[in-house]
Amino acid sequence: MRSLLVDLTPVRVSPAFRRLWLGLSVANLGSQLTVVAVGLQVYALTASTLAVGVLGICALVPLVVFGLYGGALVDHYDRRTVAVVASVVSWVAVLALVAQAAVGNEHVGVLYALVAVQSAAGAVNSPARSAIIPRLLEPRLMPAANALQTMGWNVALTLGPLAGAALVAGIGYVWAYAVDAVLFTFALTALLRLPPVPPEPSDDRRQRLGLGSVVDGLRYLGTQPNVRMTFLVDIVAMVTAMPRVLFPAVGVLYLGGGETTTGVLTAAIAAGGILAGLFSGGLARVRWQGRVIAGAITAWGLSIVAFGLVLVSAGRTTPDGVLPLALALAVVTLALAGASDAVSSVFRQTILQTATPDHMRGRLQGVFVVVVAGGPRLGELVLGALSTRVGEGGAAVIGGVACVVLLWVLVRAQRTFWHYDARHPTP
């Protein structure tokens, strides 16, 4: 039983990783808190759901631009320095959120601008941190380290929104943002305590940073089949079968309960990721990591199919109250989906960090940030459009089936991914 529980070896053997993991986990909790608080403040100012939706665009555009360029920065300068500077920018943006709430800001444009600054800073900070971690741990410990990070992220994704809504309702926006500012200092302190982490020397590195560095990273990705597959299979999973856009309608038209049901369904995915993390001890010993990713994404797609079948069975009846059995089944299917996605994430990140040479890690981590952020957004658009034709249940079933079919088309086309050997990582 002990061998199945989360492997804590990375936090035992590396004090630097321990501080970074704890600091980031705490800071992510504050970040998720702020996401909810900003959305609530925008709605309070505008009474417009569209205005709240614009926040997503304000976050996504800087994330794409700075994710790619930030990765090049990480491969050019000391990674600790890049991460610290980006973290300070993000922290200042949170302090500005505190200030605007304190003075009674009534201009939604201020919130849009601060969210854009936060997103840009985070897009630089994330690849810097991810490129640092392989320098703190042995390659054999990377699956366990990524399982810990995935679990920390899912805990934040579960508790952060609940805490954000409670703080705004109880003591107001100022204190909600202030809590985030305090929690963020944990991550900043962990970064400041790291030693310098310059990129390892390479004859392939350009002397000057510029667009050419970004292009070099994309060109390199195009020539490395196993690393490229980690991106392609994630895009397939997220674009075809990300069900979050369906939840508001599901809460009203299928399962009842409205906003409460929407929140429960959202939390179910994160809860599945937490459970997978708690019982991730065996992941550290997996050798054929490409096969596990293929199996995990297959399980993700089938779980979404099962979720859709629950909705089809319940029917679009607009119930007056919650349908408890149908809701319980839906929660189980989404928890299984969340657990599958967590396992896939652990090994996709592990392959990226161990098979990629150090001088390219930052740029490929920047692409990873763009894919992880952009894939679900595109998926919401795809399933949202599909649901207008076949209903929410049908959209989930079709999306899940498409996920599994496209995944195995890719795996059959790229056989080296199926035979990827963690003992001899090749990009």
Protein backbone atom coordinates (compact mmCIF):
# COMPACT_ATOMS: atom_id res chain seq x y z
CA MET A 1 0.00 0.00 0.00
CA ARG A 2 2.83 2.38 0.85
CA SER A 3 4.30 1.93 -2.63
CA LEU A 4 1.04 3.20 -4.17
CA LEU A 5 0.94 6.45 -2.19
CA VAL A 6 2.49 9.64 -3.55
CA ASP A 7 6.28 9.42 -3.73
CA LEU A 8 7.80 12.15 -1.53
CA THR A 9 11.40 11.36 -2.44
CA PRO A 10 11.89 14.60 -4.44
CA VAL A 11 10.98 16.79 -1.45
CA ARG A 12 13.19 14.72 0.85
CA VAL A 13 16.34 14.72 -1.25
CA SER A 14 16.21 18.29 -2.61
CA PRO A 15 15.51 21.17 -0.19
CA ALA A 16 15.46 23.57 -3.15
CA PHE A 17 12.73 21.58 -4.91
CA ARG A 18 10.81 21.24 -1.63
CA ARG A 19 10.77 25.01 -1.14
CA LEU A 20 9.84 25.63 -4.78
CA TRP A 21 7.02 23.08 -4.76
CA LEU A 22 5.52 24.30 -1.49
CA GLY A 23 5.89 27.95 -2.48
CA LEU A 24 4.31 27.41 -5.88
CA SER A 25 1.45 25.31 -4.47
CA VAL A 26 0.57 28.02 -1.96
CA ALA A 27 0.90 30.77 -4.58
CA ASN A 28 -1.34 28.87 -7.02
CA LEU A 29 -4.03 28.78 -4.37
CA GLY A 30 -3.90 32.58 -4.21
CA SER A 31 -3.89 32.88 -8.01
CA GLN A 32 -7.06 30.82 -8.34
CA LEU A 33 -8.62 32.92 -5.61
CA THR A 34 -7.89 36.07 -7.62
CA VAL A 35 -9.29 34.58 -10.85
CA VAL A 36 -12.67 34.26 -9.17
CA ALA A 37 -12.46 37.63 -7.42
CA VAL A 38 -11.62 39.49 -10.65
CA GLY A 39 -14.48 37.81 -12.48
CA LEU A 40 -16.90 38.75 -9.71
CA GLN A 41 -15.65 42.35 -9.66
CA VAL A 42 -15.99 42.70 -13.44
CA TYR A 43 -19.55 41.38 -13.26
CA ALA A 44 -20.34 43.71 -10.35
CA LEU A 45 -19.14 46.68 -12.42
CA THR A 46 -20.80 45.72 -15.72
CA ALA A 47 -23.60 43.21 -15.00
CA SER A 48 -22.39 41.54 -18.24
CA THR A 49 -21.36 37.93 -18.73
CA LEU A 50 -19.69 39.00 -21.98
CA ALA A 51 -17.51 41.45 -20.05
CA VAL A 52 -16.42 38.60 -17.79
CA GLY A 53 -15.65 36.51 -20.87
CA VAL A 54 -13.37 39.25 -22.19
CA LEU A 55 -11.10 38.51 -19.22
CA GLY A 56 -10.23 35.20 -20.91
CA ILE A 57 -9.07 36.99 -24.06
CA CYS A 58 -7.07 39.50 -21.99
CA ALA A 59 -5.28 36.57 -20.36
CA LEU A 60 -4.88 34.34 -23.41
CA VAL A 61 -3.31 36.78 -25.89
CA PRO A 62 -0.38 37.86 -23.63
CA LEU A 63 0.06 34.24 -22.56
CA VAL A 64 0.56 33.08 -26.16
CA VAL A 65 2.93 35.93 -27.08
CA PHE A 66 4.99 35.92 -23.91
CA GLY A 67 4.89 32.15 -23.54
CA LEU A 68 6.83 31.76 -26.80
CA TYR A 69 9.18 34.71 -26.27
CA GLY A 70 9.53 34.01 -22.55
CA GLY A 71 10.80 30.52 -23.36
CA ALA A 72 13.58 32.08 -25.44
CA LEU A 73 14.44 34.38 -22.52
CA VAL A 74 14.74 31.33 -20.28
CA ASP A 75 17.22 29.70 -22.68
CA HIS A 76 19.29 32.89 -22.93
CA TYR A 77 19.55 34.23 -19.38
CA ASP A 78 19.90 32.82 -15.88
CA ARG A 79 16.63 31.03 -15.21
CA ARG A 80 16.45 32.01 -11.57
CA THR A 81 16.80 35.69 -12.54
CA VAL A 82 14.11 35.43 -15.23
CA ALA A 83 11.73 33.70 -12.81
CA VAL A 84 12.36 36.25 -10.04
CA VAL A 85 11.82 39.27 -12.34
CA ALA A 86 8.62 37.77 -13.78
CA SER A 87 7.39 36.93 -10.27
CA VAL A 88 8.01 40.47 -9.06
CA VAL A 89 6.03 41.86 -12.02
CA SER A 90 3.16 39.48 -11.21
CA TRP A 91 3.29 40.40 -7.52
CA VAL A 92 3.16 44.13 -8.34
CA ALA A 93 0.08 43.46 -10.48
CA VAL A 94 -1.61 41.76 -7.51
CA LEU A 95 -0.71 44.72 -5.28
CA ALA A 96 -2.26 46.98 -7.93
CA LEU A 97 -5.44 44.90 -7.73
CA VAL A 98 -5.48 45.51 -3.99
CA ALA A 99 -5.00 49.25 -4.54
CA GLN A 100 -7.71 49.62 -7.20
CA ALA A 101 -10.20 47.79 -5.01
CA ALA A 102 -9.25 49.96 -2.02
CA VAL A 103 -9.88 53.22 -3.91
CA GLY A 104 -13.19 51.99 -5.34
CA ASN A 105 -12.17 51.62 -8.99
CA GLU A 106 -15.16 51.65 -11.35
CA HIS A 107 -13.29 51.25 -14.66
CA VAL A 108 -13.29 47.69 -15.96
CA GLY A 109 -10.38 48.52 -18.27
CA VAL A 110 -8.09 48.70 -15.24
CA LEU A 111 -8.94 45.10 -14.38
CA TYR A 112 -8.42 43.97 -17.97
CA ALA A 113 -4.99 45.61 -18.05
CA LEU A 114 -3.87 44.08 -14.76
CA VAL A 115 -5.05 40.61 -15.80
CA ALA A 116 -3.05 41.00 -19.04
CA VAL A 117 0.08 41.97 -17.07
CA GLN A 118 -0.36 39.00 -14.74
CA SER A 119 -0.82 36.63 -17.68
CA ALA A 120 2.27 37.95 -19.47
CA ALA A 121 4.40 37.60 -16.34
CA GLY A 122 3.07 34.11 -15.68
CA ALA A 123 3.83 33.08 -19.26
CA VAL A 124 7.50 33.94 -18.65
CA ASN A 125 7.61 32.59 -15.10
CA SER A 126 6.16 29.15 -15.87
CA PRO A 127 8.76 27.96 -18.44
CA ALA A 128 11.54 29.37 -16.24
CA ARG A 129 10.41 27.32 -13.23
CA SER A 130 9.84 24.21 -15.33
CA ALA A 131 13.33 24.46 -16.84
CA ILE A 132 14.85 24.87 -13.37
CA ILE A 133 13.39 21.70 -11.85
CA PRO A 134 15.37 19.17 -13.97
CA ARG A 135 18.52 20.89 -12.67
CA LEU A 136 17.46 20.24 -9.06
CA LEU A 137 16.61 16.52 -9.36
CA GLU A 138 17.84 13.34 -11.00
CA PRO A 139 15.91 12.31 -14.13
CA ARG A 140 14.53 9.20 -12.36
CA LEU A 141 12.74 11.49 -9.86
CA MET A 142 10.98 13.64 -12.46
CA PRO A 143 7.75 11.56 -12.63
CA ALA A 144 7.37 11.80 -8.84
CA ALA A 145 8.17 15.53 -8.91
CA ASN A 146 5.61 16.18 -11.66
CA ALA A 147 3.01 14.11 -9.80
CA LEU A 148 3.54 16.34 -6.75
CA GLN A 149 3.22 19.47 -8.85
CA THR A 150 0.09 18.23 -10.59
CA MET A 151 -1.48 17.37 -7.24
CA GLY A 152 -0.62 20.81 -5.84
CA TRP A 153 -2.17 22.47 -8.88
CA ASN A 154 -5.39 20.47 -8.57
CA VAL A 155 -5.69 21.28 -4.87
CA ALA A 156 -5.39 24.97 -5.75
CA LEU A 157 -7.93 24.55 -8.54
CA THR A 158 -10.38 22.98 -6.09
CA LEU A 159 -9.95 25.21 -3.03
CA GLY A 160 -8.96 28.52 -4.64
CA PRO A 161 -12.28 29.33 -6.33
CA LEU A 162 -14.23 28.38 -3.18
CA ALA A 163 -11.99 30.59 -1.03
CA GLY A 164 -12.20 33.45 -3.53
CA ALA A 165 -15.99 33.47 -3.59
CA ALA A 166 -16.18 33.20 0.21
CA LEU A 167 -13.72 36.06 0.79
CA VAL A 168 -15.44 38.38 -1.67
CA ALA A 169 -18.84 37.62 -0.15
CA GLY A 170 -17.57 37.90 3.42
CA ILE A 171 -15.01 40.73 3.54
CA GLY A 172 -14.76 42.22 0.06
CA TYR A 173 -12.42 42.48 -2.90
CA VAL A 174 -9.59 44.29 -1.11
CA TRP A 175 -8.96 41.46 1.33
CA ALA A 176 -9.41 38.77 -1.31
CA TYR A 177 -6.63 40.30 -3.42
CA ALA A 178 -4.54 40.97 -0.31
CA VAL A 179 -4.64 37.27 0.59
CA ASP A 180 -3.28 36.46 -2.89
CA ALA A 181 -0.50 39.03 -2.43
CA VAL A 182 0.54 37.41 0.85
CA LEU A 183 0.40 33.85 -0.53
CA PHE A 184 2.44 34.87 -3.57
CA THR A 185 5.38 35.76 -1.36
CA PHE A 186 5.88 32.05 -0.63
CA ALA A 187 6.76 31.35 -4.27
CA LEU A 188 8.88 34.51 -4.56
CA THR A 189 10.86 33.60 -1.44
CA ALA A 190 11.49 30.07 -2.74
CA LEU A 191 12.86 31.49 -6.02
CA LEU A 192 15.09 33.98 -4.23
CA ARG A 193 16.66 31.16 -2.21
CA LEU A 194 17.67 29.21 -5.33
CA PRO A 195 21.26 29.30 -6.58
CA PRO A 196 21.90 30.76 -10.06
CA VAL A 197 20.67 28.42 -12.81
CA PRO A 198 22.24 29.56 -16.10
CA PRO A 199 21.50 27.57 -19.27
CA GLU A 200 24.10 24.91 -19.98
CA PRO A 201 26.61 25.88 -22.70
CA SER A 202 25.64 24.96 -26.26
CA ASP A 203 27.17 25.61 -29.67
CA ASP A 204 23.65 25.92 -31.09
CA ARG A 205 22.61 28.91 -28.98
CA ARG A 206 22.33 32.25 -30.76
CA GLN A 207 24.50 35.03 -29.43
CA ARG A 208 21.64 37.50 -29.46
CA LEU A 209 18.09 37.02 -28.26
CA GLY A 210 15.39 37.68 -30.82
CA LEU A 211 12.63 36.20 -32.94
CA GLY A 212 15.18 33.82 -34.44
CA SER A 213 15.54 32.10 -31.06
CA VAL A 214 11.80 31.44 -30.93
CA VAL A 215 11.86 30.10 -34.51
CA ASP A 216 14.81 27.84 -33.61
CA GLY A 217 12.76 26.32 -30.80
CA LEU A 218 9.75 25.70 -33.06
CA ARG A 219 12.01 24.24 -35.76
CA TYR A 220 13.65 21.95 -33.21
CA LEU A 221 10.23 20.78 -32.00
CA GLY A 222 9.29 19.91 -35.57
CA THR A 223 12.25 17.51 -35.84
CA GLN A 224 11.80 15.66 -32.52
CA PRO A 225 8.96 13.12 -32.83
CA ASN A 226 8.56 12.01 -29.21
CA VAL A 227 8.53 15.51 -27.72
CA ARG A 228 6.27 16.70 -30.53
CA MET A 229 3.83 13.90 -29.75
CA THR A 230 3.45 15.09 -26.14
CA PHE A 231 1.99 18.30 -27.56
CA LEU A 232 -0.12 16.69 -30.29
CA VAL A 233 -1.86 14.17 -28.03
CA ASP A 234 -2.68 16.89 -25.50
CA ILE A 235 -4.14 19.11 -28.22
CA VAL A 236 -6.30 16.18 -29.37
CA ALA A 237 -7.55 15.52 -25.84
CA MET A 238 -8.33 19.13 -25.02
CA VAL A 239 -9.75 20.30 -28.36
CA THR A 240 -12.07 17.34 -28.86
CA ALA A 241 -13.17 16.47 -25.32
CA MET A 242 -12.84 19.35 -22.83
CA PRO A 243 -16.34 19.38 -21.27
CA ARG A 244 -16.27 22.50 -19.07
CA VAL A 245 -18.20 24.67 -21.53
CA LEU A 246 -21.14 22.24 -21.18
CA PHE A 247 -21.46 22.49 -17.40
CA PRO A 248 -23.67 25.61 -17.09
CA ALA A 249 -26.28 24.14 -19.43
CA VAL A 250 -25.98 20.72 -17.79
CA GLY A 251 -26.82 22.26 -14.40
CA VAL A 252 -30.00 23.76 -15.79
CA LEU A 253 -31.22 21.43 -18.54
CA TYR A 254 -30.07 17.94 -17.49
CA LEU A 255 -29.13 17.46 -13.84
CA GLY A 256 -30.74 20.45 -12.08
CA GLY A 257 -29.10 22.53 -9.41
CA GLY A 258 -27.96 25.39 -11.65
CA GLU A 259 -24.77 27.14 -10.56
CA THR A 260 -24.19 24.73 -7.68
CA THR A 261 -24.14 21.75 -10.01
CA THR A 262 -21.81 23.62 -12.37
CA GLY A 263 -19.39 24.14 -9.48
CA VAL A 264 -19.61 20.49 -8.40
CA LEU A 265 -18.88 19.23 -11.91
CA THR A 266 -15.90 21.58 -12.25
CA ALA A 267 -14.51 20.49 -8.89
CA ALA A 268 -14.97 16.80 -9.80
CA ILE A 269 -12.27 16.99 -12.49
CA ALA A 270 -9.80 18.59 -10.07
CA ALA A 271 -10.73 16.11 -7.33
CA GLY A 272 -9.91 13.25 -9.68
CA GLY A 273 -6.51 14.82 -10.28
CA ILE A 274 -5.89 15.06 -6.54
CA LEU A 275 -6.77 11.39 -6.02
CA ALA A 276 -4.45 10.40 -8.85
CA GLY A 277 -1.69 12.39 -7.19
CA LEU A 278 -2.27 10.82 -3.80
CA PHE A 279 -1.92 7.33 -5.30
CA SER A 280 0.86 8.15 -7.76
CA GLY A 281 3.63 6.16 -6.08
CA GLY A 282 3.76 3.62 -8.88
CA LEU A 283 4.28 6.28 -11.55
CA ALA A 284 7.92 6.74 -10.57
CA ARG A 285 8.68 3.19 -11.76
CA VAL A 286 7.03 3.42 -15.19
CA ARG A 287 9.45 2.74 -18.04
CA TRP A 288 7.25 2.86 -21.16
CA GLN A 289 5.90 6.35 -20.61
CA GLY A 290 4.46 6.89 -24.11
CA ARG A 291 2.20 3.87 -23.65
CA VAL A 292 0.95 5.19 -20.32
CA ILE A 293 0.17 8.58 -21.90
CA ALA A 294 -1.77 6.84 -24.69
CA GLY A 295 -3.67 4.76 -22.14
CA ALA A 296 -4.41 7.78 -19.93
CA ILE A 297 -5.77 9.87 -22.80
CA THR A 298 -7.84 6.91 -23.97
CA ALA A 299 -9.30 6.74 -20.46
CA TRP A 300 -9.93 10.51 -20.59
CA GLY A 301 -11.87 10.19 -23.85
CA LEU A 302 -13.90 7.21 -22.64
CA SER A 303 -14.71 9.00 -19.38
CA ILE A 304 -16.09 11.94 -21.36
CA VAL A 305 -18.14 9.50 -23.45
CA ALA A 306 -19.54 8.05 -20.22
CA PHE A 307 -20.34 11.57 -18.98
CA GLY A 308 -22.21 12.26 -22.21
CA LEU A 309 -24.17 9.00 -21.89
CA VAL A 310 -25.23 10.01 -18.37
CA LEU A 311 -26.61 13.24 -19.81
CA VAL A 312 -28.36 11.46 -22.70
CA SER A 313 -29.95 9.01 -20.23
CA ALA A 314 -31.10 11.82 -17.92
CA GLY A 315 -32.62 13.70 -20.84
CA ARG A 316 -32.98 17.41 -21.50
CA THR A 317 -35.91 17.76 -19.11
CA THR A 318 -35.04 20.98 -17.23
CA PRO A 319 -35.70 19.40 -13.81
CA ASP A 320 -36.95 21.54 -10.95
CA GLY A 321 -34.46 19.98 -8.51
CA VAL A 322 -31.21 18.05 -8.59
CA LEU A 323 -31.28 14.50 -9.98
CA PRO A 324 -29.04 12.89 -7.34
CA LEU A 325 -28.25 9.58 -9.08
CA ALA A 326 -27.45 11.21 -12.41
CA LEU A 327 -25.34 13.86 -10.69
CA ALA A 328 -23.41 11.20 -8.76
CA LEU A 329 -22.70 9.26 -11.95
CA ALA A 330 -21.61 12.44 -13.72
CA VAL A 331 -19.25 13.30 -10.86
CA VAL A 332 -17.70 9.81 -10.99
CA THR A 333 -17.10 10.00 -14.76
CA LEU A 334 -15.52 13.45 -14.48
CA ALA A 335 -13.36 12.41 -11.53
CA LEU A 336 -12.07 9.51 -13.66
CA ALA A 337 -11.40 11.98 -16.46
CA GLY A 338 -9.49 14.26 -14.08
CA ALA A 339 -7.40 11.37 -12.78
CA SER A 340 -6.58 10.28 -16.34
CA ASP A 341 -5.59 13.81 -17.34
CA ALA A 342 -3.33 14.09 -14.28
CA VAL A 343 -1.46 10.89 -15.21
CA SER A 344 -1.09 12.07 -18.80
CA SER A 345 0.19 15.45 -17.60
CA VAL A 346 2.81 13.86 -15.34
CA PHE A 347 4.42 11.89 -18.14
CA ARG A 348 4.03 14.50 -20.87
CA GLN A 349 5.91 16.95 -18.66
CA THR A 350 8.47 14.28 -17.70
CA ILE A 351 9.29 13.46 -21.33
CA LEU A 352 9.57 17.15 -22.14
CA GLN A 353 11.94 17.78 -19.24
CA THR A 354 14.14 14.70 -19.57
CA ALA A 355 14.36 14.16 -23.34
CA THR A 356 14.89 17.82 -24.30
CA PRO A 357 18.45 19.19 -24.10
CA ASP A 358 18.93 21.91 -21.51
CA HIS A 359 19.53 24.70 -24.02
CA MET A 360 16.07 24.07 -25.57
CA ARG A 361 14.03 23.44 -22.42
CA GLY A 362 12.86 27.01 -21.93
CA ARG A 363 11.53 27.43 -25.46
CA LEU A 364 9.72 24.10 -25.46
CA GLN A 365 8.29 24.84 -22.02
CA GLY A 366 7.02 28.11 -23.51
CA VAL A 367 5.25 26.14 -26.25
CA PHE A 368 3.89 23.84 -23.52
CA VAL A 369 2.36 26.86 -21.74
CA VAL A 370 0.67 27.98 -24.97
CA VAL A 371 -0.69 24.48 -25.70
CA VAL A 372 -1.97 23.92 -22.15
CA ALA A 373 -3.73 27.30 -22.15
CA GLY A 374 -4.95 27.38 -25.72
CA GLY A 375 -6.12 23.78 -26.15
CA PRO A 376 -8.96 23.93 -23.59
CA ARG A 377 -10.09 27.31 -25.00
CA LEU A 378 -10.38 25.82 -28.49
CA GLY A 379 -12.06 22.76 -27.01
CA GLU A 380 -14.72 24.92 -25.38
CA LEU A 381 -15.39 26.51 -28.75
CA VAL A 382 -15.62 23.12 -30.53
CA LEU A 383 -17.93 21.42 -28.00
CA GLY A 384 -19.94 24.61 -27.55
CA ALA A 385 -20.63 24.75 -31.29
CA LEU A 386 -21.30 21.01 -31.49
CA SER A 387 -23.78 21.16 -28.61
CA THR A 388 -25.99 23.57 -30.58
CA ARG A 389 -26.56 20.79 -33.12
CA VAL A 390 -26.64 17.57 -31.10
CA GLY A 391 -27.17 18.76 -27.52
CA GLU A 392 -24.73 18.76 -24.63
CA GLY A 393 -24.88 14.99 -24.06
CA GLY A 394 -24.34 14.21 -27.73
CA ALA A 395 -21.47 16.68 -27.92
CA ALA A 396 -19.69 14.96 -25.02
CA VAL A 397 -20.17 11.50 -26.58
CA ILE A 398 -18.96 12.59 -30.02
CA GLY A 399 -16.04 14.54 -28.56
CA GLY A 400 -14.89 11.63 -26.42
CA VAL A 401 -15.07 9.19 -29.33
CA ALA A 402 -13.19 11.63 -31.58
CA CYS A 403 -10.51 11.99 -28.88
CA VAL A 404 -9.86 8.24 -28.74
CA VAL A 405 -9.92 7.75 -32.52
CA LEU A 406 -7.58 10.66 -33.28
CA LEU A 407 -5.24 9.69 -30.48
CA TRP A 408 -4.71 6.20 -31.87
CA VAL A 409 -4.31 7.51 -35.40
CA LEU A 410 -1.42 9.60 -34.07
CA VAL A 411 0.06 6.72 -32.05
CA ARG A 412 -0.08 4.39 -35.06
CA ALA A 413 1.54 7.04 -37.24
CA GLN A 414 4.36 7.70 -34.73
CA ARG A 415 5.44 4.29 -33.46
CA THR A 416 8.54 5.62 -31.66
CA PHE A 417 6.24 7.25 -29.11
CA TRP A 418 4.72 3.87 -28.22
CA HIS A 419 8.23 2.50 -27.68
CA TYR A 420 9.54 5.53 -25.75
CA ASP A 421 11.89 4.22 -23.05
CA ALA A 422 12.36 6.35 -19.93
CA ARG A 423 15.70 4.63 -19.30
CA HIS A 424 17.00 5.96 -22.61
CA PRO A 425 15.06 9.20 -23.24
CA THR A 426 15.19 10.39 -26.83
CA PRO A 427 13.39 13.51 -28.04
